[in-house]
Each structure stands twice: as structure tokens, then as C-alpha cells.
Amino acid sequence: MEVTDRKNVGLHFFKPEHLDTLLQFHLPDEQKKFTGMPSDILKTTLEDSERYPVVITGGDKPVGFFVLHKGVGILPFTSNKDAILLRAFSIDLNAQGQGFGKKSMQLLPAFVRENFSFINEIVLAVNMKNKAAKALYEKVGFVDRGAKREGSIGLQHILHYDLA
């Protein structure tokens, strides 16, 4: 099921009609080091039954992307078997600065509750050097409980959003 707000920002599971726009996404190099590009992530995600690609839309147009991941693959991030991991969050460069990141994260809890009724927590990892992303996540209700892990390019904060 999709979730959309009054300003027509929506969260939708990936559909083939989103592909062309997602393949054209652009991020500056300083952002690419912290996340994956949809074009690189989709193949792996579509082959894994525990990963769910989600498209952020502004109106009818994809403006952002992320993956929700459940199951044993999230164990490096949490021991909560009823959690879901948010990964690879990005907003296309042309849509940045328009509130899509914040609004999509505000819609995320309702989207998860609607589509994954057994999930009681959303977890994510954010690189310690990615201060803007951490501030965004905390602004919408994610909490840093002090857990950290080593990521591919350095130490990461593990953030939590309680759905219970």
C-alpha cells in the first residue's frame, strides 16, 4: 500500500515504470560515498525477498529512493527480530532542498505500519561524517542510543525509531 501526504509526496513500492527515472538519478560525489545509487542497488534488492525497494515521489515523479530490509541480513545493526532496516536513502540532486527528504521520513512510520504490521522498530545506520543526514533523521524522531558499528567508509551511528 502507498502512503501520500497533502502536498503529494508519496512512498510507493518500486514498480517497473519507476525504473527509467531512477536510472537517471544524480548525486554529488560527497553524497555518493554515504549511500548507494538506485541503479546499483535495484538488481540486488529485487533478487532478495527480504529487501523492499521504495520510491519517494513528488506528484507522479520519482524524486527519491530507499530500501527496507528485514530478516537475518539486519543482524549487524540490531538484535530486534521485529525491526526493519532503512538503507540506501537518497534524494535526486534535482529534487534536493525541496523538503522531500524530511517529508518522506515523516511518512515512513505510517508506511511501515501499513505494510509490515509485525514490525515494531525502524533502524538505520548513518556515517558519523554525514552530519546533515543524522540531523534530518533525528528531527523526524529517530533516536541515537549510543550504538555504533564500523561501516565500509568509517564508523556509523545506529539510529532507532520505535513504532510500538
C-alpha atoms as a PDB file:
ATOM      1  CA  MET A   1       0.000   0.000   0.000  1.00  0.00           C
ATOM      2  CA  GLU A   2       1.152   3.539  -0.719  1.00  0.00           C
ATOM      3  CA  VAL A   3       1.265   6.484   1.671  1.00  0.00           C
ATOM      4  CA  THR A   4       0.890  10.058   0.372  1.00  0.00           C
ATOM      5  CA  ASP A   5       0.640  13.392   2.180  1.00  0.00           C
ATOM      6  CA  ARG A   6      -1.386  16.526   1.370  1.00  0.00           C
ATOM      7  CA  LYS A   7       1.467  18.000  -0.687  1.00  0.00           C
ATOM      8  CA  ASN A   8       1.509  14.900  -2.885  1.00  0.00           C
ATOM      9  CA  VAL A   9       4.756  13.461  -1.522  1.00  0.00           C
ATOM     10  CA  GLY A  10       4.355   9.704  -1.551  1.00  0.00           C
ATOM     11  CA  LEU A  11       6.049   6.426  -0.658  1.00  0.00           C
ATOM     12  CA  HIS A  12       5.460   3.548  -3.053  1.00  0.00           C
ATOM     13  CA  PHE A  13       6.944   0.119  -3.520  1.00  0.00           C
ATOM     14  CA  PHE A  14       9.108   0.071  -6.657  1.00  0.00           C
ATOM     15  CA  LYS A  15       7.259  -0.527  -9.928  1.00  0.00           C
ATOM     16  CA  PRO A  16       8.856  -1.108 -13.346  1.00  0.00           C
ATOM     17  CA  GLU A  17       7.543   2.270 -14.540  1.00  0.00           C
ATOM     18  CA  HIS A  18       9.837   3.954 -11.977  1.00  0.00           C
ATOM     19  CA  LEU A  19      12.974   2.412 -13.472  1.00  0.00           C
ATOM     20  CA  ASP A  20      13.847   4.945 -16.193  1.00  0.00           C
ATOM     21  CA  THR A  21      13.729   7.879 -13.775  1.00  0.00           C
ATOM     22  CA  LEU A  22      15.661   6.008 -11.075  1.00  0.00           C
ATOM     23  CA  LEU A  23      18.408   5.142 -13.561  1.00  0.00           C
ATOM     24  CA  GLN A  24      18.856   8.871 -14.239  1.00  0.00           C
ATOM     25  CA  PHE A  25      19.309   9.849 -10.576  1.00  0.00           C
ATOM     26  CA  HIS A  26      22.310  12.023  -9.853  1.00  0.00           C
ATOM     27  CA  LEU A  27      24.074  12.680  -6.570  1.00  0.00           C
ATOM     28  CA  PRO A  28      27.180  14.773  -5.916  1.00  0.00           C
ATOM     29  CA  ASP A  29      30.297  12.737  -5.146  1.00  0.00           C
ATOM     30  CA  GLU A  30      30.285  13.864  -1.498  1.00  0.00           C
ATOM     31  CA  GLN A  31      26.825  12.257  -1.087  1.00  0.00           C
ATOM     32  CA  LYS A  32      27.536   9.128  -3.163  1.00  0.00           C
ATOM     33  CA  LYS A  33      30.095   7.964  -0.616  1.00  0.00           C
ATOM     34  CA  PHE A  34      27.363   7.712   2.028  1.00  0.00           C
ATOM     35  CA  THR A  35      24.659   5.911   0.035  1.00  0.00           C
ATOM     36  CA  GLY A  36      24.119   3.734  -2.987  1.00  0.00           C
ATOM     37  CA  MET A  37      22.628   4.830  -6.270  1.00  0.00           C
ATOM     38  CA  PRO A  38      19.288   3.249  -7.184  1.00  0.00           C
ATOM     39  CA  SER A  39      20.807   1.915 -10.412  1.00  0.00           C
ATOM     40  CA  ASP A  40      23.420  -0.006  -8.390  1.00  0.00           C
ATOM     41  CA  ILE A  41      21.067  -1.236  -5.662  1.00  0.00           C
ATOM     42  CA  LEU A  42      17.963  -2.346  -7.562  1.00  0.00           C
ATOM     43  CA  LYS A  43      19.335  -5.592  -9.016  1.00  0.00           C
ATOM     44  CA  THR A  44      20.455  -6.945  -5.634  1.00  0.00           C
ATOM     45  CA  THR A  45      17.297  -5.707  -3.952  1.00  0.00           C
ATOM     46  CA  LEU A  46      14.953  -7.259  -6.490  1.00  0.00           C
ATOM     47  CA  GLU A  47      16.723 -10.630  -6.106  1.00  0.00           C
ATOM     48  CA  ASP A  48      16.368 -10.662  -2.290  1.00  0.00           C
ATOM     49  CA  SER A  49      12.926 -11.479  -0.880  1.00  0.00           C
ATOM     50  CA  GLU A  50      13.799  -9.713   2.386  1.00  0.00           C
ATOM     51  CA  ARG A  51      14.534  -6.344   0.735  1.00  0.00           C
ATOM     52  CA  TYR A  52      11.850  -3.960  -0.432  1.00  0.00           C
ATOM     53  CA  PRO A  53      12.758  -1.063  -2.758  1.00  0.00           C
ATOM     54  CA  VAL A  54      10.699   2.057  -2.026  1.00  0.00           C
ATOM     55  CA  VAL A  55      10.315   5.079  -4.295  1.00  0.00           C
ATOM     56  CA  ILE A  56       9.675   8.585  -2.977  1.00  0.00           C
ATOM     57  CA  THR A  57       7.514  10.597  -5.354  1.00  0.00           C
ATOM     58  CA  GLY A  58       6.744  14.260  -5.698  1.00  0.00           C
ATOM     59  CA  GLY A  59       3.496  14.304  -7.617  1.00  0.00           C
ATOM     60  CA  ASP A  60       3.870  11.418 -10.052  1.00  0.00           C
ATOM     61  CA  LYS A  61       7.643  11.691 -10.441  1.00  0.00           C
ATOM     62  CA  PRO A  62      10.227   9.646  -8.515  1.00  0.00           C
ATOM     63  CA  VAL A  63      12.434  12.039  -6.530  1.00  0.00           C
ATOM     64  CA  GLY A  64      13.992   9.656  -4.020  1.00  0.00           C
ATOM     65  CA  PHE A  65      14.678   6.052  -3.171  1.00  0.00           C
ATOM     66  CA  PHE A  66      15.469   3.745  -0.272  1.00  0.00           C
ATOM     67  CA  VAL A  67      15.324   0.082   0.707  1.00  0.00           C
ATOM     68  CA  LEU A  68      13.565  -1.532   3.640  1.00  0.00           C
ATOM     69  CA  HIS A  69      15.327  -4.723   4.738  1.00  0.00           C
ATOM     70  CA  LYS A  70      14.110  -7.341   7.202  1.00  0.00           C
ATOM     71  CA  GLY A  71      15.359 -10.756   8.290  1.00  0.00           C
ATOM     72  CA  VAL A  72      18.780 -12.094   9.206  1.00  0.00           C
ATOM     73  CA  GLY A  73      20.585  -9.559   6.998  1.00  0.00           C
ATOM     74  CA  ILE A  74      19.900  -6.802   9.516  1.00  0.00           C
ATOM     75  CA  LEU A  75      21.569  -8.574  12.472  1.00  0.00           C
ATOM     76  CA  PRO A  76      24.740  -6.433  12.258  1.00  0.00           C
ATOM     77  CA  PHE A  77      22.504  -3.426  13.027  1.00  0.00           C
ATOM     78  CA  THR A  78      20.072  -4.744  15.644  1.00  0.00           C
ATOM     79  CA  SER A  79      19.193  -7.859  17.605  1.00  0.00           C
ATOM     80  CA  ASN A  80      15.480  -6.994  17.379  1.00  0.00           C
ATOM     81  CA  LYS A  81      13.952  -9.660  15.118  1.00  0.00           C
ATOM     82  CA  ASP A  82      10.866  -7.438  14.693  1.00  0.00           C
ATOM     83  CA  ALA A  83      12.831  -4.465  13.325  1.00  0.00           C
ATOM     84  CA  ILE A  84      13.229  -3.312   9.741  1.00  0.00           C
ATOM     85  CA  LEU A  85      16.373  -1.612   8.425  1.00  0.00           C
ATOM     86  CA  LEU A  86      16.266   1.527   6.285  1.00  0.00           C
ATOM     87  CA  ARG A  87      19.128   1.509   3.781  1.00  0.00           C
ATOM     88  CA  ALA A  88      20.384   3.433   0.766  1.00  0.00           C
ATOM     89  CA  PHE A  89      18.252   6.554   1.332  1.00  0.00           C
ATOM     90  CA  SER A  90      18.784   9.201  -1.342  1.00  0.00           C
ATOM     91  CA  ILE A  91      17.050  12.169  -2.922  1.00  0.00           C
ATOM     92  CA  ASP A  92      17.920  13.008  -6.537  1.00  0.00           C
ATOM     93  CA  LEU A  93      20.080  16.137  -6.779  1.00  0.00           C
ATOM     94  CA  ASN A  94      17.420  17.977  -8.811  1.00  0.00           C
ATOM     95  CA  ALA A  95      14.852  17.444  -6.015  1.00  0.00           C
ATOM     96  CA  GLN A  96      17.094  18.285  -3.051  1.00  0.00           C
ATOM     97  CA  GLY A  97      16.262  21.271  -0.869  1.00  0.00           C
ATOM     98  CA  GLN A  98      12.522  20.973  -1.507  1.00  0.00           C
ATOM     99  CA  GLY A  99      11.580  19.047   1.646  1.00  0.00           C
ATOM    100  CA  PHE A 100      11.248  15.601   0.064  1.00  0.00           C
ATOM    101  CA  GLY A 101      13.758  14.002   2.439  1.00  0.00           C
ATOM    102  CA  LYS A 102      12.092  15.279   5.572  1.00  0.00           C
ATOM    103  CA  LYS A 103       8.547  14.622   4.366  1.00  0.00           C
ATOM    104  CA  SER A 104       9.373  11.086   3.225  1.00  0.00           C
ATOM    105  CA  MET A 105      10.890  10.288   6.622  1.00  0.00           C
ATOM    106  CA  GLN A 106       7.782  11.690   8.317  1.00  0.00           C
ATOM    107  CA  LEU A 107       5.648   9.355   6.168  1.00  0.00           C
ATOM    108  CA  LEU A 108       7.883   6.331   6.796  1.00  0.00           C
ATOM    109  CA  PRO A 109       6.365   5.155  10.119  1.00  0.00           C
ATOM    110  CA  ALA A 110       2.842   5.044   8.635  1.00  0.00           C
ATOM    111  CA  PHE A 111       4.161   3.255   5.526  1.00  0.00           C
ATOM    112  CA  VAL A 112       5.906   0.618   7.646  1.00  0.00           C
ATOM    113  CA  ARG A 113       2.881   0.130   9.918  1.00  0.00           C
ATOM    114  CA  GLU A 114       0.601  -0.248   6.886  1.00  0.00           C
ATOM    115  CA  ASN A 115       2.813  -2.732   5.029  1.00  0.00           C
ATOM    116  CA  PHE A 116       4.681  -4.570   7.787  1.00  0.00           C
ATOM    117  CA  SER A 117       2.270  -4.901  10.715  1.00  0.00           C
ATOM    118  CA  PHE A 118       4.650  -7.177  12.655  1.00  0.00           C
ATOM    119  CA  ILE A 119       7.471  -4.574  12.698  1.00  0.00           C
ATOM    120  CA  ASN A 120       7.922  -2.614  15.931  1.00  0.00           C
ATOM    121  CA  GLU A 121      11.058  -0.612  15.117  1.00  0.00           C
ATOM    122  CA  ILE A 122      12.824   1.069  12.202  1.00  0.00           C
ATOM    123  CA  VAL A 123      16.625   1.042  12.387  1.00  0.00           C
ATOM    124  CA  LEU A 124      19.217   2.776  10.225  1.00  0.00           C
ATOM    125  CA  ALA A 125      22.957   3.372  10.157  1.00  0.00           C
ATOM    126  CA  VAL A 126      24.357   6.777   9.296  1.00  0.00           C
ATOM    127  CA  ASN A 127      28.040   7.575   8.837  1.00  0.00           C
ATOM    128  CA  MET A 128      29.445   9.775  11.611  1.00  0.00           C
ATOM    129  CA  LYS A 129      30.699  12.229   8.975  1.00  0.00           C
ATOM    130  CA  ASN A 130      27.221  12.592   7.445  1.00  0.00           C
ATOM    131  CA  LYS A 131      26.012  15.173   9.964  1.00  0.00           C
ATOM    132  CA  ALA A 132      23.237  16.568   7.725  1.00  0.00           C
ATOM    133  CA  ALA A 133      21.609  13.149   7.331  1.00  0.00           C
ATOM    134  CA  LYS A 134      21.868  12.396  11.053  1.00  0.00           C
ATOM    135  CA  ALA A 135      20.249  15.744  11.870  1.00  0.00           C
ATOM    136  CA  LEU A 136      17.390  15.007   9.452  1.00  0.00           C
ATOM    137  CA  TYR A 137      16.752  11.566  10.933  1.00  0.00           C
ATOM    138  CA  GLU A 138      16.778  12.915  14.481  1.00  0.00           C
ATOM    139  CA  LYS A 139      14.477  15.799  13.516  1.00  0.00           C
ATOM    140  CA  VAL A 140      11.816  13.295  12.404  1.00  0.00           C
ATOM    141  CA  GLY A 141      12.078  11.171  15.544  1.00  0.00           C
ATOM    142  CA  PHE A 142      14.959   8.716  15.157  1.00  0.00           C
ATOM    143  CA  VAL A 143      16.959   8.321  18.375  1.00  0.00           C
ATOM    144  CA  ASP A 144      20.681   7.717  18.827  1.00  0.00           C
ATOM    145  CA  ARG A 145      21.002   5.252  21.734  1.00  0.00           C
ATOM    146  CA  GLY A 146      24.788   5.278  21.522  1.00  0.00           C
ATOM    147  CA  ALA A 147      25.312   2.117  19.433  1.00  0.00           C
ATOM    148  CA  LYS A 148      27.918   2.319  16.683  1.00  0.00           C
ATOM    149  CA  ARG A 149      29.278  -0.028  14.053  1.00  0.00           C
ATOM    150  CA  GLU A 150      32.066   0.038  11.517  1.00  0.00           C
ATOM    151  CA  GLY A 151      30.781   0.675   8.003  1.00  0.00           C
ATOM    152  CA  SER A 152      32.526   0.451   4.640  1.00  0.00           C
ATOM    153  CA  ILE A 153      33.838   4.041   4.911  1.00  0.00           C
ATOM    154  CA  GLY A 154      34.003   4.531   8.661  1.00  0.00           C
ATOM    155  CA  LEU A 155      32.131   4.474  11.925  1.00  0.00           C
ATOM    156  CA  GLN A 156      28.329   4.703  11.826  1.00  0.00           C
ATOM    157  CA  HIS A 157      25.690   5.738  14.356  1.00  0.00           C
ATOM    158  CA  ILE A 158      22.798   3.270  14.692  1.00  0.00           C
ATOM    159  CA  LEU A 159      19.519   5.189  14.997  1.00  0.00           C
ATOM    160  CA  HIS A 160      16.160   3.819  16.134  1.00  0.00           C
ATOM    161  CA  TYR A 161      12.518   4.757  15.608  1.00  0.00           C
ATOM    162  CA  ASP A 162      10.140   2.937  17.949  1.00  0.00           C
ATOM    163  CA  LEU A 163       6.816   2.008  16.323  1.00  0.00           C
ATOM    164  CA  ALA A 164       5.328   0.317  19.401  1.00  0.00           C
END
